[in-house]
């Protein structure tokens, strides 16, 4: 315990003996581009004006015009041994999009959706069903009766 007190006292004596330590605030000097009372160091330096597409005199913003129209086509289909049957195809040229998708429903029907997206008209879909819904008759299973192993 005495050794800890001696070590702590030594550290405090060494810290207080260091000359030049000050607790007062020093205002920024001219190295920041101004005097202590001048906040010019907070303003950016004058430089060339940057124009982001508007008129040089501060006019309305003119967004950049795309050099090419968006175009793509994709499709996929799944039909496996587990009963999964679905797919999707879509094509886009500029603002016009058209496509279709289908899915095998649990009741046996195939649902098809053909859609278009034309600018301000939004998403327009035509939904059709192929086949007839089938619901198999309920077949109760044999009741479970555990055998006694206590014999």
N, C-alpha and C. Protein backbone atom coordinates (compact mmCIF):
# COMPACT_ATOMS: atom_id res chain seq x y z
N UNK A 1 0.82 -1.19 0.00
CA UNK A 1 0.00 0.00 0.00
C UNK A 1 0.87 1.25 0.00
N UNK A 2 1.93 1.25 0.81
CA UNK A 2 2.83 2.40 0.90
C UNK A 2 3.52 2.62 -0.44
N UNK A 3 3.87 1.53 -1.12
CA UNK A 3 4.54 1.64 -2.41
C UNK A 3 3.63 2.31 -3.45
N UNK A 4 2.33 2.03 -3.43
CA UNK A 4 1.38 2.65 -4.35
C UNK A 4 1.26 4.14 -4.08
N UNK A 5 1.25 4.53 -2.82
CA UNK A 5 1.14 5.95 -2.46
C UNK A 5 2.38 6.70 -2.92
N UNK A 6 3.54 6.08 -2.75
CA UNK A 6 4.79 6.72 -3.16
C UNK A 6 4.82 6.88 -4.69
N UNK A 7 4.36 5.88 -5.44
CA UNK A 7 4.35 5.95 -6.90
C UNK A 7 3.38 7.02 -7.37
N UNK A 8 2.22 7.12 -6.76
CA UNK A 8 1.23 8.12 -7.14
C UNK A 8 1.75 9.53 -6.84
N UNK A 9 2.39 9.71 -5.71
CA UNK A 9 2.95 11.01 -5.34
C UNK A 9 4.05 11.42 -6.31
N UNK A 10 4.86 10.46 -6.75
CA UNK A 10 5.93 10.75 -7.71
C UNK A 10 5.35 11.21 -9.04
N UNK A 11 4.30 10.56 -9.51
CA UNK A 11 3.67 10.95 -10.77
C UNK A 11 3.07 12.35 -10.69
N UNK A 12 2.41 12.67 -9.58
CA UNK A 12 1.83 13.99 -9.41
C UNK A 12 2.91 15.06 -9.35
N UNK A 13 4.00 14.79 -8.70
CA UNK A 13 5.10 15.76 -8.61
C UNK A 13 5.71 16.00 -9.98
N UNK A 14 5.89 14.95 -10.77
CA UNK A 14 6.48 15.11 -12.10
C UNK A 14 5.54 15.88 -13.03
N UNK A 15 4.26 15.65 -12.93
CA UNK A 15 3.30 16.33 -13.80
C UNK A 15 3.21 17.81 -13.45
N UNK A 16 3.25 18.14 -12.20
CA UNK A 16 3.14 19.55 -11.82
C UNK A 16 4.44 20.30 -12.02
N UNK A 17 5.56 19.63 -12.14
CA UNK A 17 6.85 20.28 -12.30
C UNK A 17 7.15 20.65 -13.75
N UNK A 18 6.37 20.17 -14.72
CA UNK A 18 6.62 20.46 -16.13
C UNK A 18 6.30 21.92 -16.42
N UNK A 19 7.22 22.69 -16.91
CA UNK A 19 6.94 24.09 -17.23
C UNK A 19 6.18 24.22 -18.55
N UNK A 20 5.46 25.32 -18.75
CA UNK A 20 4.83 25.63 -20.02
C UNK A 20 3.44 25.05 -20.20
N UNK A 21 2.90 24.31 -19.25
CA UNK A 21 1.55 23.79 -19.39
C UNK A 21 0.56 24.88 -19.02
N UNK A 22 -0.42 25.12 -19.89
CA UNK A 22 -1.38 26.18 -19.63
C UNK A 22 -2.78 25.62 -19.79
N UNK A 23 -3.68 26.02 -18.97
CA UNK A 23 -5.06 25.60 -19.02
C UNK A 23 -5.92 26.61 -19.79
N UNK A 24 -5.33 27.71 -20.26
CA UNK A 24 -6.11 28.74 -20.93
C UNK A 24 -6.19 28.47 -22.43
N UNK A 25 -7.26 29.01 -23.04
CA UNK A 25 -7.52 28.84 -24.47
C UNK A 25 -6.76 29.89 -25.25
N UNK A 26 -6.13 29.46 -26.34
CA UNK A 26 -5.44 30.39 -27.23
C UNK A 26 -6.23 30.47 -28.53
N UNK A 27 -6.66 31.65 -28.93
CA UNK A 27 -7.41 31.85 -30.17
C UNK A 27 -6.51 31.53 -31.36
N UNK A 28 -7.10 31.09 -32.47
CA UNK A 28 -6.29 30.78 -33.64
C UNK A 28 -5.60 32.02 -34.17
N UNK A 29 -4.42 31.83 -34.67
CA UNK A 29 -3.63 32.94 -35.19
C UNK A 29 -3.76 33.07 -36.69
N UNK A 30 -2.81 33.71 -37.29
CA UNK A 30 -2.86 34.00 -38.72
C UNK A 30 -2.61 32.76 -39.58
N UNK A 31 -2.19 31.66 -38.98
CA UNK A 31 -1.95 30.45 -39.77
C UNK A 31 -3.24 29.89 -40.35
N UNK A 32 -4.40 30.37 -39.84
CA UNK A 32 -5.68 29.93 -40.37
C UNK A 32 -6.23 30.91 -41.40
N UNK A 33 -5.48 31.90 -41.78
CA UNK A 33 -5.92 32.83 -42.80
C UNK A 33 -6.56 34.08 -42.24
N UNK A 34 -6.45 34.32 -40.96
CA UNK A 34 -7.04 35.53 -40.38
C UNK A 34 -6.55 35.72 -38.96
N UNK A 35 -6.94 36.80 -38.36
CA UNK A 35 -6.54 37.05 -36.99
C UNK A 35 -7.53 36.37 -36.04
N UNK A 36 -7.27 36.48 -34.75
CA UNK A 36 -8.10 35.81 -33.78
C UNK A 36 -9.53 36.32 -33.80
N UNK A 37 -9.75 37.59 -34.08
CA UNK A 37 -11.09 38.14 -34.10
C UNK A 37 -11.77 38.03 -35.46
N UNK A 38 -11.05 37.63 -36.49
CA UNK A 38 -11.60 37.55 -37.85
C UNK A 38 -11.91 36.11 -38.18
N UNK A 39 -13.13 35.82 -38.63
CA UNK A 39 -13.53 34.44 -38.95
C UNK A 39 -13.34 34.13 -40.43
N UNK A 40 -12.41 34.80 -41.08
CA UNK A 40 -12.22 34.56 -42.51
C UNK A 40 -11.71 33.16 -42.80
N UNK A 41 -11.13 32.51 -41.81
CA UNK A 41 -10.65 31.14 -42.03
C UNK A 41 -11.81 30.16 -42.19
N UNK A 42 -13.03 30.59 -41.84
CA UNK A 42 -14.18 29.74 -42.01
C UNK A 42 -14.77 29.80 -43.42
N UNK A 43 -14.42 30.83 -44.18
CA UNK A 43 -14.93 30.99 -45.54
C UNK A 43 -13.97 30.33 -46.51
N UNK A 44 -14.50 29.67 -47.56
CA UNK A 44 -13.61 29.08 -48.55
C UNK A 44 -12.91 30.16 -49.36
N UNK A 45 -11.76 29.82 -49.83
CA UNK A 45 -11.00 30.75 -50.67
C UNK A 45 -11.73 30.95 -51.99
N UNK A 46 -11.58 32.12 -52.55
CA UNK A 46 -12.22 32.40 -53.85
C UNK A 46 -11.60 31.50 -54.90
N UNK A 47 -12.43 30.92 -55.75
CA UNK A 47 -11.94 30.03 -56.79
C UNK A 47 -12.87 30.08 -57.98
N UNK A 48 -12.65 29.24 -58.96
CA UNK A 48 -13.51 29.27 -60.14
C UNK A 48 -14.92 28.79 -59.79
N UNK A 49 -15.92 29.39 -60.43
CA UNK A 49 -17.31 28.99 -60.21
C UNK A 49 -17.55 27.64 -60.86
N UNK A 50 -18.38 26.82 -60.22
CA UNK A 50 -18.69 25.50 -60.75
C UNK A 50 -20.12 25.53 -61.25
N UNK A 51 -20.34 25.12 -62.48
CA UNK A 51 -21.67 25.11 -63.07
C UNK A 51 -22.13 23.67 -63.19
N UNK A 52 -23.25 23.33 -62.55
CA UNK A 52 -23.77 21.97 -62.56
C UNK A 52 -24.88 21.79 -63.59
N UNK A 53 -24.81 22.47 -64.70
CA UNK A 53 -25.79 22.28 -65.76
C UNK A 53 -26.75 23.43 -65.90
N UNK A 54 -26.78 24.37 -64.96
CA UNK A 54 -27.66 25.52 -65.05
C UNK A 54 -27.01 26.62 -65.87
N UNK A 55 -27.73 27.68 -66.07
CA UNK A 55 -27.19 28.82 -66.80
C UNK A 55 -26.11 29.48 -65.96
N UNK A 56 -25.15 30.11 -66.61
CA UNK A 56 -24.03 30.73 -65.91
C UNK A 56 -24.50 31.85 -64.99
N UNK A 57 -25.66 32.46 -65.27
CA UNK A 57 -26.15 33.55 -64.45
C UNK A 57 -27.04 33.05 -63.30
N UNK A 58 -27.04 31.77 -63.02
CA UNK A 58 -27.82 31.23 -61.91
C UNK A 58 -29.23 30.86 -62.33
N UNK A 59 -29.43 30.47 -63.57
CA UNK A 59 -30.75 30.12 -64.09
C UNK A 59 -31.21 28.77 -63.60
N UNK A 60 -32.25 28.24 -64.22
CA UNK A 60 -32.85 26.97 -63.83
C UNK A 60 -31.92 25.81 -64.12
N UNK A 61 -32.07 24.76 -63.34
CA UNK A 61 -31.26 23.55 -63.51
C UNK A 61 -31.75 22.78 -64.72
N UNK A 62 -30.83 22.37 -65.55
CA UNK A 62 -31.13 21.53 -66.72
C UNK A 62 -30.48 20.18 -66.52
N UNK A 63 -31.27 19.13 -66.22
CA UNK A 63 -30.67 17.83 -65.97
C UNK A 63 -29.97 17.31 -67.22
N UNK A 64 -28.93 16.51 -67.05
CA UNK A 64 -28.22 15.96 -68.19
C UNK A 64 -29.14 15.03 -68.99
N UNK A 65 -28.95 15.01 -70.28
CA UNK A 65 -29.75 14.18 -71.17
C UNK A 65 -28.99 12.88 -71.41
N UNK A 66 -29.66 11.75 -71.23
CA UNK A 66 -29.01 10.46 -71.44
C UNK A 66 -28.66 10.32 -72.92
N UNK A 67 -27.49 9.81 -73.17
CA UNK A 67 -27.05 9.67 -74.56
C UNK A 67 -27.66 8.43 -75.22
N UNK A 68 -28.06 7.44 -74.42
CA UNK A 68 -28.71 6.26 -74.98
C UNK A 68 -29.98 5.95 -74.19
N UNK A 69 -30.93 5.34 -74.86
CA UNK A 69 -32.17 4.95 -74.19
C UNK A 69 -31.96 3.62 -73.49
N UNK A 70 -32.54 3.44 -72.30
CA UNK A 70 -32.40 2.15 -71.63
C UNK A 70 -33.05 1.04 -72.45
N UNK A 71 -32.32 -0.03 -72.64
CA UNK A 71 -32.84 -1.19 -73.37
C UNK A 71 -32.34 -2.46 -72.69
N UNK A 72 -33.25 -3.41 -72.49
CA UNK A 72 -32.84 -4.71 -71.98
C UNK A 72 -33.93 -5.73 -72.25
N UNK A 73 -33.56 -6.99 -72.19
CA UNK A 73 -34.47 -8.13 -72.30
C UNK A 73 -33.97 -9.20 -71.34
N UNK A 74 -34.88 -9.86 -70.65
CA UNK A 74 -34.49 -11.01 -69.83
C UNK A 74 -35.64 -11.98 -69.77
N UNK A 75 -35.32 -13.21 -69.42
CA UNK A 75 -36.34 -14.22 -69.18
C UNK A 75 -35.75 -15.37 -68.38
N UNK A 76 -36.63 -16.08 -67.68
CA UNK A 76 -36.24 -17.29 -66.97
C UNK A 76 -37.47 -18.17 -66.82
N UNK A 77 -37.24 -19.44 -66.59
CA UNK A 77 -38.33 -20.39 -66.40
C UNK A 77 -37.85 -21.53 -65.51
N UNK A 78 -38.75 -22.03 -64.68
CA UNK A 78 -38.47 -23.17 -63.80
C UNK A 78 -39.61 -24.16 -63.97
N UNK A 79 -39.25 -25.42 -64.20
CA UNK A 79 -40.22 -26.51 -64.27
C UNK A 79 -39.49 -27.75 -63.79
N UNK A 80 -39.71 -28.12 -62.54
CA UNK A 80 -38.94 -29.23 -61.98
C UNK A 80 -39.86 -30.39 -61.55
N UNK A 81 -39.24 -31.44 -61.06
CA UNK A 81 -39.95 -32.65 -60.68
C UNK A 81 -40.78 -32.47 -59.41
N UNK A 82 -40.61 -31.37 -58.69
CA UNK A 82 -41.35 -31.14 -57.44
C UNK A 82 -42.65 -30.39 -57.67
N UNK A 83 -42.99 -30.07 -58.90
CA UNK A 83 -44.23 -29.38 -59.21
C UNK A 83 -44.09 -27.88 -59.36
N UNK A 84 -42.88 -27.37 -59.29
CA UNK A 84 -42.66 -25.94 -59.49
C UNK A 84 -42.68 -25.63 -60.98
N UNK A 85 -43.54 -24.71 -61.37
CA UNK A 85 -43.64 -24.31 -62.77
C UNK A 85 -43.95 -22.82 -62.78
N UNK A 86 -42.93 -22.00 -63.06
CA UNK A 86 -43.12 -20.55 -63.11
C UNK A 86 -42.05 -19.95 -64.00
N UNK A 87 -42.30 -18.73 -64.47
CA UNK A 87 -41.34 -18.06 -65.32
C UNK A 87 -41.69 -16.59 -65.49
N UNK A 88 -40.78 -15.85 -66.10
CA UNK A 88 -40.94 -14.41 -66.27
C UNK A 88 -40.11 -13.98 -67.47
N UNK A 89 -40.65 -13.07 -68.28
CA UNK A 89 -39.89 -12.46 -69.36
C UNK A 89 -40.27 -10.99 -69.40
N UNK A 90 -39.29 -10.14 -69.72
CA UNK A 90 -39.54 -8.71 -69.79
C UNK A 90 -38.60 -8.07 -70.78
N UNK A 91 -39.07 -7.02 -71.44
CA UNK A 91 -38.25 -6.25 -72.35
C UNK A 91 -38.54 -4.77 -72.16
N UNK A 92 -37.50 -3.95 -72.30
CA UNK A 92 -37.67 -2.51 -72.15
C UNK A 92 -36.93 -1.81 -73.27
N UNK A 93 -37.58 -0.76 -73.79
CA UNK A 93 -36.97 0.11 -74.79
C UNK A 93 -37.38 1.53 -74.44
N UNK A 94 -36.46 2.29 -73.87
CA UNK A 94 -36.79 3.64 -73.41
C UNK A 94 -37.74 3.60 -72.24
N UNK A 95 -38.87 4.32 -72.34
CA UNK A 95 -39.84 4.34 -71.25
C UNK A 95 -40.90 3.25 -71.39
N UNK A 96 -40.87 2.49 -72.45
CA UNK A 96 -41.88 1.45 -72.69
C UNK A 96 -41.35 0.10 -72.24
N UNK A 97 -42.12 -0.56 -71.37
CA UNK A 97 -41.76 -1.87 -70.85
C UNK A 97 -42.93 -2.81 -71.07
N UNK A 98 -42.64 -4.03 -71.49
CA UNK A 98 -43.68 -5.05 -71.62
C UNK A 98 -43.10 -6.37 -71.16
N UNK A 99 -43.99 -7.21 -70.62
CA UNK A 99 -43.53 -8.49 -70.14
C UNK A 99 -44.68 -9.37 -69.72
N UNK A 100 -44.33 -10.55 -69.24
CA UNK A 100 -45.33 -11.49 -68.75
C UNK A 100 -44.66 -12.43 -67.75
N UNK A 101 -45.49 -12.98 -66.89
CA UNK A 101 -45.01 -14.03 -65.98
C UNK A 101 -46.15 -15.00 -65.75
N UNK A 102 -45.78 -16.20 -65.31
CA UNK A 102 -46.78 -17.24 -65.06
C UNK A 102 -46.34 -18.07 -63.86
N UNK A 103 -47.35 -18.70 -63.22
CA UNK A 103 -47.07 -19.55 -62.06
C UNK A 103 -48.14 -20.63 -61.98
N UNK A 104 -47.71 -21.85 -61.66
CA UNK A 104 -48.63 -22.97 -61.45
C UNK A 104 -49.20 -22.83 -60.05
N UNK A 105 -50.53 -22.69 -59.95
CA UNK A 105 -51.19 -22.52 -58.66
C UNK A 105 -51.41 -23.87 -57.98
N UNK A 106 -51.57 -23.90 -56.66
CA UNK A 106 -51.79 -25.16 -55.94
C UNK A 106 -53.06 -25.90 -56.37
N UNK A 107 -54.05 -25.18 -56.93
CA UNK A 107 -55.28 -25.84 -57.35
C UNK A 107 -55.18 -26.42 -58.76
N UNK A 108 -53.99 -26.36 -59.36
CA UNK A 108 -53.77 -26.96 -60.67
C UNK A 108 -53.86 -26.00 -61.84
N UNK A 109 -54.36 -24.79 -61.64
CA UNK A 109 -54.45 -23.83 -62.74
C UNK A 109 -53.11 -23.14 -62.96
N UNK A 110 -52.94 -22.59 -64.16
CA UNK A 110 -51.77 -21.80 -64.50
C UNK A 110 -52.22 -20.35 -64.60
N UNK A 111 -51.63 -19.48 -63.79
CA UNK A 111 -51.96 -18.06 -63.81
C UNK A 111 -50.95 -17.35 -64.69
N UNK A 112 -51.45 -16.55 -65.67
CA UNK A 112 -50.58 -15.77 -66.55
C UNK A 112 -50.92 -14.30 -66.39
N UNK A 113 -49.89 -13.48 -66.34
CA UNK A 113 -50.05 -12.04 -66.26
C UNK A 113 -49.25 -11.43 -67.39
N UNK A 114 -49.92 -10.66 -68.25
CA UNK A 114 -49.25 -9.92 -69.32
C UNK A 114 -49.38 -8.45 -68.95
N UNK A 115 -48.26 -7.73 -68.96
CA UNK A 115 -48.31 -6.34 -68.49
C UNK A 115 -47.52 -5.42 -69.41
N UNK A 116 -47.85 -4.13 -69.30
CA UNK A 116 -47.11 -3.07 -69.98
C UNK A 116 -46.94 -1.92 -69.00
N UNK A 117 -45.89 -1.17 -69.20
CA UNK A 117 -45.66 0.07 -68.46
C UNK A 117 -45.29 1.10 -69.51
N UNK A 118 -46.18 2.07 -69.71
CA UNK A 118 -45.97 3.09 -70.73
C UNK A 118 -45.99 4.47 -70.09
N UNK A 119 -44.82 4.97 -69.75
CA UNK A 119 -44.72 6.33 -69.23
C UNK A 119 -45.69 6.63 -68.12
N UNK A 120 -46.60 7.61 -68.36
CA UNK A 120 -47.52 8.07 -67.32
C UNK A 120 -48.72 7.15 -67.10
N UNK A 121 -48.94 6.17 -67.97
CA UNK A 121 -50.07 5.25 -67.79
C UNK A 121 -49.84 4.30 -66.63
N UNK A 122 -48.62 4.08 -66.26
CA UNK A 122 -48.31 3.19 -65.15
C UNK A 122 -48.36 1.73 -65.55
N UNK A 123 -48.51 0.88 -64.56
CA UNK A 123 -48.53 -0.57 -64.74
C UNK A 123 -49.94 -1.01 -65.13
N UNK A 124 -50.07 -1.63 -66.31
CA UNK A 124 -51.36 -2.12 -66.79
C UNK A 124 -51.21 -3.62 -67.00
N UNK A 125 -52.04 -4.42 -66.30
CA UNK A 125 -51.90 -5.88 -66.34
C UNK A 125 -53.18 -6.55 -66.81
N UNK A 126 -53.00 -7.67 -67.52
CA UNK A 126 -54.11 -8.53 -67.92
C UNK A 126 -53.83 -9.90 -67.32
N UNK A 127 -54.73 -10.38 -66.44
CA UNK A 127 -54.52 -11.64 -65.73
C UNK A 127 -55.47 -12.68 -66.31
N UNK A 128 -54.93 -13.85 -66.67
CA UNK A 128 -55.76 -14.95 -67.17
C UNK A 128 -55.38 -16.22 -66.43
N UNK A 129 -56.31 -17.20 -66.48
CA UNK A 129 -56.10 -18.49 -65.84
C UNK A 129 -56.34 -19.58 -66.87
N UNK A 130 -55.47 -20.58 -66.86
CA UNK A 130 -55.62 -21.71 -67.77
C UNK A 130 -55.90 -22.95 -66.93
N UNK A 131 -56.84 -23.76 -67.40
CA UNK A 131 -57.20 -24.98 -66.68
C UNK A 131 -58.36 -24.75 -65.74
N UNK A 132 -58.73 -25.81 -65.06
CA UNK A 132 -59.84 -25.78 -64.11
C UNK A 132 -59.30 -26.13 -62.73
N UNK A 133 -59.76 -25.36 -61.74
CA UNK A 133 -59.32 -25.64 -60.38
C UNK A 133 -59.79 -27.02 -59.95
N UNK A 134 -58.91 -27.79 -59.36
CA UNK A 134 -59.24 -29.15 -58.91
C UNK A 134 -58.93 -29.27 -57.43
N UNK A 135 -59.92 -29.78 -56.71
CA UNK A 135 -59.75 -30.00 -55.29
C UNK A 135 -60.03 -31.47 -55.03
N UNK A 136 -59.00 -32.26 -54.79
CA UNK A 136 -59.22 -33.69 -54.58
C UNK A 136 -60.07 -33.93 -53.33
N UNK A 137 -60.84 -35.01 -53.38
CA UNK A 137 -61.71 -35.37 -52.25
C UNK A 137 -60.85 -35.72 -51.05
N UNK A 138 -61.37 -35.42 -49.88
CA UNK A 138 -60.65 -35.70 -48.65
C UNK A 138 -60.60 -37.20 -48.41
N UNK A 139 -59.43 -37.73 -48.17
CA UNK A 139 -59.23 -39.15 -47.89
C UNK A 139 -58.67 -39.27 -46.47
N UNK A 140 -59.49 -39.64 -45.49
CA UNK A 140 -58.96 -39.77 -44.13
C UNK A 140 -57.93 -40.89 -44.07
N UNK A 141 -56.91 -40.65 -43.31
CA UNK A 141 -55.87 -41.67 -43.17
C UNK A 141 -56.24 -42.63 -42.04
N UNK A 142 -55.60 -43.77 -42.04
CA UNK A 142 -55.85 -44.76 -40.98
C UNK A 142 -55.44 -44.15 -39.65
N UNK A 143 -56.22 -44.43 -38.61
CA UNK A 143 -55.90 -43.84 -37.31
C UNK A 143 -54.66 -44.49 -36.73
N UNK A 144 -53.96 -43.77 -35.95
CA UNK A 144 -52.74 -44.25 -35.34
C UNK A 144 -53.06 -44.84 -33.99
N UNK A 145 -52.61 -46.07 -33.76
CA UNK A 145 -52.79 -46.68 -32.45
C UNK A 145 -51.46 -47.32 -32.06
N UNK A 146 -50.78 -46.71 -31.12
CA UNK A 146 -49.47 -47.23 -30.71
C UNK A 146 -49.62 -48.56 -29.99
N UNK A 147 -48.65 -49.41 -30.18
CA UNK A 147 -48.66 -50.70 -29.47
C UNK A 147 -48.03 -50.50 -28.10
N UNK A 148 -48.52 -51.26 -27.18
CA UNK A 148 -48.00 -51.16 -25.81
C UNK A 148 -46.71 -51.95 -25.69
N UNK A 149 -45.69 -51.31 -25.17
CA UNK A 149 -44.44 -52.04 -24.96
C UNK A 149 -44.20 -52.32 -23.49
N UNK A 150 -45.25 -52.14 -22.66
CA UNK A 150 -45.08 -52.37 -21.24
C UNK A 150 -45.45 -53.76 -20.83
N UNK A 151 -45.90 -54.55 -21.69
CA UNK A 151 -46.24 -55.84 -21.58
C UNK A 151 -46.67 -56.75 -20.65
